[in-house]
Amino acid sequence: MTLEFVLRLAAAFACGVAIGLERQMRQRTAGLRTITLVASGACLFVTLGVLTGNGVAGVTQIAAYVVSGVGFLGGGVIMRDKGSIQGINTAATLWCSAAVGVLCGSGHYLPAFAGTGVVLLTNTVLRDVSRMINATPVSGADLVRLYALTIVCREEDEIHIRTAISNSMYAAPLSFQSLTSEDVTDQAGRIRVTATLKLHPKDQSKLELMASRLSMEKSVSSVSWTAAEAEPTPE
């Protein structure tokens, strides 16, 4: 039994090193040591169930607790930076490393090695494939971006400008979201009209054309627009 224990731990260690080397070379948050410890630790926990003689049910229970524990560990490597989320792939790699360790601890070496190969292929070959897909023109992506168009005009021409904005949006057509007005505190007799809309980034030229047309109105003193981060359209 001692030899079998050593073989299982050695297999988990080897699989963890193989996965961790790829992560370490890419300077990820969870690198060689972390991945190896997760795989080896998962193996040790499962082996504990085997050594205590709790049978298949005991091993399965311990494996379930390992999955839960690794979930908390994976949450620690996920970071949010300026609206974007980083570290999800690293967290998923930790999760898969735990699965490989569980397989080694259960004595299923071939599935463990196969799982290691799948993780490495995913983080190497599919990485290049995803980059190629991301390099395609944005017009082919299923994206949506929120824009804010702001026009400052004379107070008495507010209704005219709001009508002009609405007509321009329906003529484009653009996805109209809202239209609001507020006083300009530092400019007496001026109104700031803000229109929000959602559209595909490839249609941004329509917004630019509309802003250009509105800027030619006599009562308009300034026209500007801003864009938020592009995000996938809801399915």
Protein backbone atom coordinates (compact mmCIF):
# COMPACT_ATOMS: atom_id res chain seq x y z
CA MET A 1 0.00 0.00 0.00
CA THR A 2 2.94 2.31 0.73
CA LEU A 3 4.27 1.85 -2.81
CA GLU A 4 0.83 2.56 -4.27
CA PHE A 5 0.58 5.73 -2.18
CA VAL A 6 3.98 6.91 -3.43
CA LEU A 7 3.01 6.18 -7.04
CA ARG A 8 -0.21 8.17 -6.72
CA LEU A 9 1.50 11.13 -5.12
CA ALA A 10 4.34 11.03 -7.68
CA ALA A 11 1.82 10.98 -10.53
CA ALA A 12 -0.05 13.96 -9.06
CA PHE A 13 3.24 15.79 -8.55
CA ALA A 14 4.33 15.13 -12.15
CA CYS A 15 1.00 16.27 -13.57
CA GLY A 16 1.06 19.38 -11.39
CA VAL A 17 4.58 20.24 -12.52
CA ALA A 18 3.62 19.80 -16.19
CA ILE A 19 0.63 22.13 -15.87
CA GLY A 20 2.44 24.55 -13.56
CA LEU A 21 5.42 24.98 -15.89
CA GLU A 22 3.15 26.32 -18.64
CA ARG A 23 1.52 28.76 -16.19
CA GLN A 24 4.90 29.84 -14.75
CA MET A 25 6.35 30.57 -18.20
CA ARG A 26 3.43 32.92 -18.80
CA GLN A 27 4.01 34.60 -15.43
CA ARG A 28 0.51 33.87 -14.18
CA THR A 29 -0.70 34.48 -10.62
CA ALA A 30 -0.84 30.74 -9.90
CA GLY A 31 2.39 29.30 -11.26
CA LEU A 32 4.53 26.19 -10.88
CA ARG A 33 4.42 25.85 -7.09
CA THR A 34 0.74 26.71 -6.68
CA ILE A 35 -0.48 24.33 -9.37
CA THR A 36 1.77 21.53 -8.12
CA LEU A 37 0.56 22.02 -4.54
CA VAL A 38 -3.09 21.97 -5.63
CA ALA A 39 -2.65 18.73 -7.59
CA SER A 40 -0.60 17.08 -4.84
CA GLY A 41 -2.92 18.28 -2.08
CA ALA A 42 -6.00 16.96 -3.88
CA CYS A 43 -4.23 13.63 -4.26
CA LEU A 44 -3.36 13.52 -0.56
CA PHE A 45 -6.93 14.25 0.51
CA VAL A 46 -8.36 11.52 -1.71
CA THR A 47 -5.65 9.08 -0.65
CA LEU A 48 -6.67 9.76 2.94
CA GLY A 49 -10.10 8.36 2.13
CA VAL A 50 -8.50 5.26 0.64
CA LEU A 51 -6.14 4.73 3.59
CA THR A 52 -8.93 5.04 6.17
CA GLY A 53 -10.92 2.38 4.35
CA ASN A 54 -14.07 4.46 3.86
CA GLY A 55 -14.65 2.92 0.44
CA VAL A 56 -15.88 4.60 -2.73
CA ALA A 57 -18.45 6.72 -0.89
CA GLY A 58 -15.80 8.19 1.42
CA VAL A 59 -13.45 8.98 -1.45
CA THR A 60 -16.29 10.62 -3.39
CA GLN A 61 -17.19 12.78 -0.39
CA ILE A 62 -13.62 13.93 0.09
CA ALA A 63 -13.34 14.71 -3.65
CA ALA A 64 -16.46 16.89 -3.38
CA TYR A 65 -14.91 18.85 -0.51
CA VAL A 66 -11.72 19.27 -2.53
CA VAL A 67 -13.72 20.80 -5.39
CA SER A 68 -15.37 23.25 -2.98
CA GLY A 69 -12.06 24.22 -1.41
CA VAL A 70 -10.39 24.81 -4.76
CA GLY A 71 -13.35 27.00 -5.71
CA PHE A 72 -12.42 29.42 -2.93
CA LEU A 73 -8.76 29.26 -3.96
CA GLY A 74 -9.70 30.01 -7.57
CA GLY A 75 -11.77 32.99 -6.47
CA GLY A 76 -8.63 34.47 -4.92
CA VAL A 77 -6.79 34.66 -8.25
CA ILE A 78 -9.65 36.38 -10.08
CA MET A 79 -9.14 40.15 -10.12
CA ARG A 80 -11.22 43.03 -11.42
CA ASP A 81 -9.28 45.84 -13.09
CA LYS A 82 -11.07 48.86 -14.60
CA GLY A 83 -14.18 46.92 -15.49
CA SER A 84 -12.35 43.91 -16.91
CA ILE A 85 -11.97 40.60 -15.10
CA GLN A 86 -8.55 38.95 -15.03
CA GLY A 87 -7.50 35.50 -13.85
CA ILE A 88 -10.50 33.37 -14.86
CA ASN A 89 -8.32 31.08 -16.97
CA THR A 90 -5.86 30.67 -14.09
CA ALA A 91 -8.72 29.81 -11.73
CA ALA A 92 -10.03 27.23 -14.21
CA THR A 93 -6.53 25.76 -14.49
CA LEU A 94 -6.40 25.41 -10.69
CA TRP A 95 -9.76 23.66 -10.79
CA CYS A 96 -8.59 21.22 -13.46
CA SER A 97 -5.34 20.60 -11.57
CA ALA A 98 -7.37 19.59 -8.53
CA ALA A 99 -9.34 17.17 -10.72
CA VAL A 100 -6.08 15.67 -11.99
CA GLY A 101 -4.90 15.27 -8.39
CA VAL A 102 -8.15 13.57 -7.41
CA LEU A 103 -7.77 11.12 -10.29
CA CYS A 104 -4.20 10.33 -9.24
CA GLY A 105 -5.26 9.88 -5.64
CA SER A 106 -7.97 7.46 -6.76
CA GLY A 107 -5.43 5.44 -8.75
CA HIS A 108 -6.78 6.39 -12.19
CA TYR A 109 -3.46 7.26 -13.79
CA LEU A 110 -4.42 7.18 -17.47
CA PRO A 111 -7.38 9.60 -17.06
CA ALA A 112 -5.12 11.84 -14.95
CA PHE A 113 -2.43 11.99 -17.65
CA ALA A 114 -5.10 12.52 -20.31
CA GLY A 115 -6.57 15.36 -18.25
CA THR A 116 -3.12 16.93 -17.94
CA GLY A 117 -2.72 16.76 -21.71
CA VAL A 118 -6.11 18.42 -22.26
CA VAL A 119 -5.23 21.26 -19.86
CA LEU A 120 -1.89 21.86 -21.59
CA LEU A 121 -3.46 21.78 -25.06
CA THR A 122 -6.15 24.21 -23.93
CA ASN A 123 -3.64 26.68 -22.50
CA THR A 124 -1.27 26.48 -25.50
CA VAL A 125 -2.92 25.51 -28.78
CA LEU A 126 -6.35 26.98 -28.04
CA ARG A 127 -4.66 30.12 -26.74
CA ASP A 128 -3.32 30.82 -30.23
CA VAL A 129 -6.69 29.95 -31.78
CA SER A 130 -8.50 32.41 -29.50
CA ARG A 131 -5.99 35.13 -30.39
CA MET A 132 -6.62 34.53 -34.08
CA ILE A 133 -10.36 34.84 -33.50
CA ASN A 134 -9.91 38.05 -31.48
CA ALA A 135 -7.79 39.47 -34.31
CA THR A 136 -10.71 39.30 -36.74
CA PRO A 137 -12.37 42.64 -37.66
CA VAL A 138 -14.72 43.96 -34.99
CA SER A 139 -17.54 44.05 -37.56
CA GLY A 140 -17.73 40.27 -37.31
CA ALA A 141 -18.00 40.24 -33.52
CA ASP A 142 -21.29 40.11 -31.65
CA LEU A 143 -20.72 43.27 -29.59
CA VAL A 144 -22.64 46.26 -28.33
CA ARG A 145 -21.33 49.58 -26.98
CA LEU A 146 -23.08 52.30 -25.01
CA TYR A 147 -22.62 55.84 -26.36
CA ALA A 148 -23.53 59.22 -24.88
CA LEU A 149 -24.08 62.14 -27.27
CA THR A 150 -24.05 65.57 -25.58
CA ILE A 151 -25.26 68.81 -27.21
CA VAL A 152 -25.19 72.24 -25.60
CA CYS A 153 -27.70 74.67 -27.12
CA ARG A 154 -29.77 77.77 -26.34
CA GLU A 155 -32.55 77.22 -23.84
CA GLU A 156 -35.26 78.39 -26.24
CA ASP A 157 -34.13 75.88 -28.88
CA GLU A 158 -34.24 72.83 -26.61
CA ILE A 159 -37.38 71.36 -28.20
CA HIS A 160 -35.96 71.83 -31.70
CA ILE A 161 -32.67 70.09 -30.79
CA ARG A 162 -34.44 67.21 -29.06
CA THR A 163 -36.60 66.73 -32.14
CA ALA A 164 -33.56 66.87 -34.41
CA ILE A 165 -31.77 64.22 -32.32
CA SER A 166 -34.79 61.92 -32.32
CA ASN A 167 -35.28 62.28 -36.08
CA SER A 168 -31.58 61.60 -36.73
CA MET A 169 -31.60 58.47 -34.59
CA TYR A 170 -34.68 57.01 -36.23
CA ALA A 171 -33.32 57.85 -39.68
CA ALA A 172 -29.93 56.14 -39.12
CA PRO A 173 -31.39 53.91 -37.51
CA LEU A 174 -29.74 53.73 -34.09
CA SER A 175 -30.79 51.98 -30.90
CA PHE A 176 -32.23 54.89 -28.91
CA GLN A 177 -32.04 54.47 -25.11
CA SER A 178 -32.80 57.81 -23.45
CA LEU A 179 -32.86 61.59 -23.98
CA THR A 180 -32.36 63.99 -21.07
CA SER A 181 -31.92 67.74 -20.57
CA GLU A 182 -30.29 69.80 -17.83
CA ASP A 183 -29.23 73.40 -17.28
CA VAL A 184 -25.60 74.34 -17.87
CA THR A 185 -24.60 75.92 -14.57
CA ASP A 186 -21.67 77.93 -15.90
CA GLN A 187 -23.48 79.19 -19.02
CA ALA A 188 -26.64 81.21 -18.52
CA GLY A 189 -29.47 80.46 -20.93
CA ARG A 190 -27.87 77.20 -22.12
CA ILE A 191 -29.22 73.65 -21.98
CA ARG A 192 -27.27 70.40 -22.13
CA VAL A 193 -29.14 67.67 -24.00
CA THR A 194 -27.76 64.14 -23.59
CA ALA A 195 -28.82 61.18 -25.72
CA THR A 196 -27.74 57.64 -24.86
CA LEU A 197 -27.80 54.83 -27.38
CA LYS A 198 -26.46 51.34 -27.97
CA LEU A 199 -24.98 50.19 -31.25
CA HIS A 200 -22.35 47.94 -32.74
CA PRO A 201 -18.88 49.56 -32.83
CA LYS A 202 -18.86 49.22 -36.63
CA ASP A 203 -21.82 51.65 -36.76
CA GLN A 204 -19.92 54.37 -34.89
CA SER A 205 -19.56 56.32 -38.13
CA LYS A 206 -23.33 56.87 -38.11
CA LEU A 207 -23.06 58.54 -34.72
CA GLU A 208 -20.16 60.70 -35.91
CA LEU A 209 -22.19 61.80 -38.94
CA MET A 210 -25.17 62.64 -36.75
CA ALA A 211 -22.98 64.68 -34.38
CA SER A 212 -21.50 66.53 -37.35
CA ARG A 213 -24.94 67.45 -38.66
CA LEU A 214 -26.16 68.64 -35.26
CA SER A 215 -23.06 70.82 -34.80
CA MET A 216 -24.18 72.89 -37.81
CA GLU A 217 -27.35 74.01 -36.02
CA LYS A 218 -27.16 77.74 -35.26
CA SER A 219 -28.25 77.36 -31.64
CA VAL A 220 -25.70 74.63 -30.87
CA SER A 221 -22.50 75.77 -29.14
CA SER A 222 -20.87 72.34 -28.64
CA VAL A 223 -21.33 68.69 -29.57
CA SER A 224 -19.43 65.75 -28.04
CA TRP A 225 -19.82 62.03 -27.59
CA THR A 226 -18.26 59.34 -25.43
CA ALA A 227 -18.19 55.56 -25.67
CA ALA A 228 -18.13 52.91 -22.96
CA GLU A 229 -16.32 49.56 -23.16
CA ALA A 230 -17.71 47.21 -25.79
CA GLU A 231 -19.46 44.15 -24.32
CA PRO A 232 -21.01 41.01 -25.81
CA THR A 233 -24.66 41.29 -26.73
CA PRO A 234 -26.96 39.24 -24.48
CA GLU A 235 -27.96 35.88 -25.93
